[in-house]
């Protein structure tokens, strides 16, 4: 068994033991695949981690930047109370439509709202609504704009809020400071911002599994 096969087998074991799926989650992945969406949703253990972070946080409001087919959205929305609110932002209209259907089938359309359009356009409109501060922000969109998304997360949160930034390892390419790849530069800029911003305290963790070699950054808003 190769190393990557071992990673996948361990993920499968963890998922079966600790993050079992159900029809809502299976259908979200099935319909996303049928619609031709890229297979880049979080894994089941990662989805369960997001769910637990929201529960530990006591989150009532969640902002997700990057919806895809709504798989991670379901995990997050299920952590919220009945009167909780999740706003998820998706650039591609087709993906947003798939996600909205998946959320409705999972019975979460009263909690989760999908907004369509470039996040750097929908975020200012969201801020203009003066919503209550979000307790948790999950960023999993185009990596070139990661630093901008972290900046917006700061504007829309409060002291004690948590920000999760996905896919920060980029298969190890994050080490290349001279890379011309927008995803690498955007990720490095976001990590620099987390490291230097007086309102943020954070770390980053590498992961392996069904999604290969990657990782996430976790930050707490201080003030």
Protein backbone atom coordinates (compact mmCIF):
# COMPACT_ATOMS: atom_id res chain seq x y z
CA UNK A 1 0.00 0.00 0.00
CA UNK A 2 1.40 3.38 -1.01
CA UNK A 3 1.64 6.28 1.41
CA UNK A 4 -1.27 8.11 -0.22
CA UNK A 5 -3.36 4.92 -0.06
CA UNK A 6 -2.56 4.65 3.64
CA UNK A 7 -3.64 8.27 4.15
CA UNK A 8 -6.94 7.56 2.41
CA UNK A 9 -7.48 4.36 4.38
CA UNK A 10 -6.92 6.16 7.68
CA UNK A 11 -9.34 8.90 6.62
CA UNK A 12 -11.93 6.27 5.73
CA UNK A 13 -11.48 4.65 9.14
CA UNK A 14 -11.80 7.98 10.96
CA UNK A 15 -14.86 8.90 8.92
CA UNK A 16 -16.59 5.60 9.64
CA UNK A 17 -15.79 5.78 13.34
CA UNK A 18 -16.27 9.47 14.07
CA UNK A 19 -17.89 11.26 11.13
CA UNK A 20 -20.42 8.87 9.58
CA UNK A 21 -22.36 10.25 6.67
CA UNK A 22 -26.11 10.29 6.12
CA UNK A 23 -28.40 10.84 3.16
CA UNK A 24 -28.11 14.62 3.35
CA UNK A 25 -24.34 14.52 3.13
CA UNK A 26 -24.22 11.69 0.59
CA UNK A 27 -26.75 13.43 -1.63
CA UNK A 28 -24.78 16.68 -1.50
CA UNK A 29 -21.67 14.91 -2.78
CA UNK A 30 -23.62 12.86 -5.31
CA UNK A 31 -25.43 15.86 -6.78
CA UNK A 32 -22.25 17.93 -6.82
CA UNK A 33 -20.52 15.21 -8.82
CA UNK A 34 -23.50 14.86 -11.17
CA UNK A 35 -23.39 18.61 -11.81
CA UNK A 36 -19.73 18.41 -12.75
CA UNK A 37 -18.45 20.34 -9.75
CA UNK A 38 -14.78 19.75 -8.93
CA UNK A 39 -14.21 17.14 -6.22
CA UNK A 40 -12.59 19.58 -3.80
CA UNK A 41 -15.07 19.58 -0.92
CA UNK A 42 -13.69 19.00 2.54
CA UNK A 43 -13.40 15.39 3.67
CA UNK A 44 -15.83 13.94 6.21
CA UNK A 45 -13.32 14.24 9.12
CA UNK A 46 -12.63 17.83 8.09
CA UNK A 47 -16.35 18.57 7.92
CA UNK A 48 -16.79 17.09 11.39
CA UNK A 49 -13.92 19.28 12.61
CA UNK A 50 -15.69 22.38 11.32
CA UNK A 51 -18.89 21.20 12.98
CA UNK A 52 -17.13 20.70 16.31
CA UNK A 53 -15.33 24.04 16.10
CA UNK A 54 -18.67 25.76 15.61
CA UNK A 55 -20.17 23.83 18.53
CA UNK A 56 -17.19 24.51 20.80
CA UNK A 57 -17.38 28.15 19.81
CA UNK A 58 -21.07 28.21 20.71
CA UNK A 59 -21.59 29.80 17.32
CA UNK A 60 -24.95 31.29 16.46
CA UNK A 61 -23.76 32.95 13.26
CA UNK A 62 -21.37 31.58 10.65
CA UNK A 63 -19.96 33.12 7.49
CA UNK A 64 -18.60 30.81 4.80
CA UNK A 65 -16.63 32.19 1.87
CA UNK A 66 -16.70 29.56 -0.87
CA UNK A 67 -19.71 27.24 -0.96
CA UNK A 68 -19.06 24.77 -3.79
CA UNK A 69 -21.92 22.24 -3.50
CA UNK A 70 -22.72 22.96 0.12
CA UNK A 71 -21.12 19.90 1.74
CA UNK A 72 -19.11 21.90 4.28
CA UNK A 73 -22.09 24.23 4.64
CA UNK A 74 -24.23 21.34 5.84
CA UNK A 75 -21.66 20.37 8.47
CA UNK A 76 -21.48 23.96 9.72
CA UNK A 77 -25.21 24.69 9.60
CA UNK A 78 -25.98 21.56 11.59
CA UNK A 79 -23.90 22.98 14.45
CA UNK A 80 -26.14 26.03 14.80
CA UNK A 81 -29.22 26.45 16.98
CA UNK A 82 -32.65 26.62 15.33
CA UNK A 83 -32.50 30.41 15.31
CA UNK A 84 -28.91 30.47 14.08
CA UNK A 85 -27.81 31.98 10.78
CA UNK A 86 -25.27 30.94 8.19
CA UNK A 87 -24.41 33.05 5.16
CA UNK A 88 -22.36 31.34 2.47
CA UNK A 89 -20.89 33.12 -0.55
CA UNK A 90 -20.36 31.41 -3.90
CA UNK A 91 -18.94 32.92 -7.08
CA UNK A 92 -20.35 30.44 -9.60
CA UNK A 93 -24.16 30.55 -10.12
CA UNK A 94 -24.32 26.85 -11.02
CA UNK A 95 -22.53 25.86 -7.83
CA UNK A 96 -24.79 28.15 -5.80
CA UNK A 97 -27.87 26.48 -7.29
CA UNK A 98 -26.55 23.01 -6.47
CA UNK A 99 -25.70 24.11 -2.93
CA UNK A 100 -29.13 25.67 -2.38
CA UNK A 101 -30.82 22.44 -3.43
CA UNK A 102 -28.55 20.39 -1.20
CA UNK A 103 -29.24 22.63 1.79
CA UNK A 104 -32.99 22.52 1.20
CA UNK A 105 -32.98 18.72 0.97
CA UNK A 106 -31.02 18.59 4.24
CA UNK A 107 -33.67 20.79 5.86
CA UNK A 108 -31.27 23.68 6.38
CA UNK A 109 -32.62 26.30 3.98
CA UNK A 110 -34.16 28.25 6.87
CA UNK A 111 -30.75 28.49 8.56
CA UNK A 112 -28.35 28.77 5.62
CA UNK A 113 -28.50 31.40 2.88
CA UNK A 114 -26.48 31.15 -0.33
CA UNK A 115 -25.44 34.42 -1.93
CA UNK A 116 -24.08 34.42 -5.46
CA UNK A 117 -21.34 36.61 -6.95
CA UNK A 118 -17.69 37.49 -6.42
CA UNK A 119 -17.10 37.52 -2.68
CA UNK A 120 -15.22 40.82 -2.84
CA UNK A 121 -18.49 42.30 -4.12
CA UNK A 122 -20.94 40.44 -1.90
CA UNK A 123 -18.92 41.02 1.28
CA UNK A 124 -19.28 44.83 1.17
CA UNK A 125 -23.02 44.42 0.55
CA UNK A 126 -23.23 42.09 3.51
CA UNK A 127 -21.34 44.59 5.67
CA UNK A 128 -23.74 47.35 4.60
CA UNK A 129 -26.55 45.33 6.18
CA UNK A 130 -24.79 45.73 9.54
CA UNK A 131 -25.33 42.10 10.57
CA UNK A 132 -24.54 40.85 14.07
CA UNK A 133 -20.87 39.83 14.26
CA UNK A 134 -20.17 36.36 12.94
CA UNK A 135 -18.91 33.90 15.54
CA UNK A 136 -17.03 31.77 13.02
CA UNK A 137 -15.76 32.42 9.50
CA UNK A 138 -14.69 29.59 7.19
CA UNK A 139 -12.65 30.72 4.18
CA UNK A 140 -12.37 28.21 1.34
CA UNK A 141 -12.57 30.19 -1.89
CA UNK A 142 -10.10 31.38 -4.54
CA UNK A 143 -6.75 31.40 -2.78
CA UNK A 144 -5.36 34.47 -4.53
CA UNK A 145 -7.71 36.65 -2.48
CA UNK A 146 -7.15 34.92 0.87
CA UNK A 147 -5.67 37.99 2.55
CA UNK A 148 -8.60 40.12 1.41
CA UNK A 149 -11.01 37.55 2.81
CA UNK A 150 -9.23 37.56 6.17
CA UNK A 151 -9.46 41.36 6.23
CA UNK A 152 -13.20 41.17 5.57
CA UNK A 153 -13.57 38.49 8.21
CA UNK A 154 -12.04 40.90 10.71
CA UNK A 155 -14.58 43.55 9.77
CA UNK A 156 -17.48 41.16 10.25
CA UNK A 157 -16.47 39.49 13.52
CA UNK A 158 -15.93 40.39 17.17
CA UNK A 159 -13.46 39.64 19.93
CA UNK A 160 -13.52 35.89 20.45
CA UNK A 161 -14.63 35.00 16.92
CA UNK A 162 -12.76 32.26 15.09
CA UNK A 163 -11.46 32.33 11.51
CA UNK A 164 -10.56 29.12 9.65
CA UNK A 165 -8.56 29.40 6.42
CA UNK A 166 -8.43 26.18 4.40
CA UNK A 167 -5.82 24.74 2.02
CA UNK A 168 -2.79 26.67 3.23
CA UNK A 169 -0.08 24.09 2.48
CA UNK A 170 -0.73 23.79 -1.26
CA UNK A 171 1.21 20.50 -1.42
CA UNK A 172 4.21 22.24 0.15
CA UNK A 173 4.28 25.04 -2.41
CA UNK A 174 3.54 27.57 0.35
CA UNK A 175 7.27 27.48 1.13
CA UNK A 176 8.16 29.12 -2.18
CA UNK A 177 8.30 32.85 -1.45
CA UNK A 178 9.30 33.51 -5.07
CA UNK A 179 6.44 31.57 -6.60
CA UNK A 180 4.48 33.35 -9.27
CA UNK A 181 1.38 31.26 -8.56
CA UNK A 182 -1.51 33.44 -7.33
CA UNK A 183 -2.74 30.75 -4.92
CA UNK A 184 0.66 30.54 -3.22
CA UNK A 185 1.11 34.29 -2.99
CA UNK A 186 -2.44 34.78 -1.74
CA UNK A 187 -2.01 32.13 0.92
CA UNK A 188 1.34 33.50 2.06
CA UNK A 189 -0.16 37.01 2.25
CA UNK A 190 -2.99 35.70 4.43
CA UNK A 191 -0.56 33.92 6.73
CA UNK A 192 1.57 37.06 6.95
CA UNK A 193 -1.55 39.01 7.90
CA UNK A 194 -2.51 36.52 10.61
CA UNK A 195 1.03 36.62 11.97
CA UNK A 196 1.32 40.40 12.07
CA UNK A 197 -2.18 41.72 12.73
CA UNK A 198 -2.65 42.97 16.31
CA UNK A 199 -6.22 41.67 16.38
CA UNK A 200 -5.35 38.11 15.42
CA UNK A 201 -3.68 35.18 17.15
CA UNK A 202 -3.30 32.11 14.99
CA UNK A 203 -1.52 28.98 13.92
CA UNK A 204 -1.44 26.61 10.96
CA UNK A 205 -1.54 22.82 10.88
CA UNK A 206 -0.53 20.41 8.12
CA UNK A 207 -2.86 17.54 7.27
CA UNK A 208 -2.73 14.40 5.14
CA UNK A 209 -5.58 12.23 4.00
CA UNK A 210 -8.00 11.70 1.17
CA UNK A 211 -7.33 15.30 0.09
CA UNK A 212 -3.59 14.71 -0.09
CA UNK A 213 -1.06 16.90 1.71
CA UNK A 214 -2.54 20.21 2.79
CA UNK A 215 -3.61 22.00 5.96
CA UNK A 216 -5.47 24.89 7.49
CA UNK A 217 -4.87 28.04 9.49
CA UNK A 218 -6.87 28.82 12.62
CA UNK A 219 -7.05 32.30 14.11
CA UNK A 220 -8.88 33.92 17.02
CA UNK A 221 -9.97 37.54 16.91
CA UNK A 222 -8.55 39.31 19.94
CA UNK A 223 -10.35 42.65 19.94
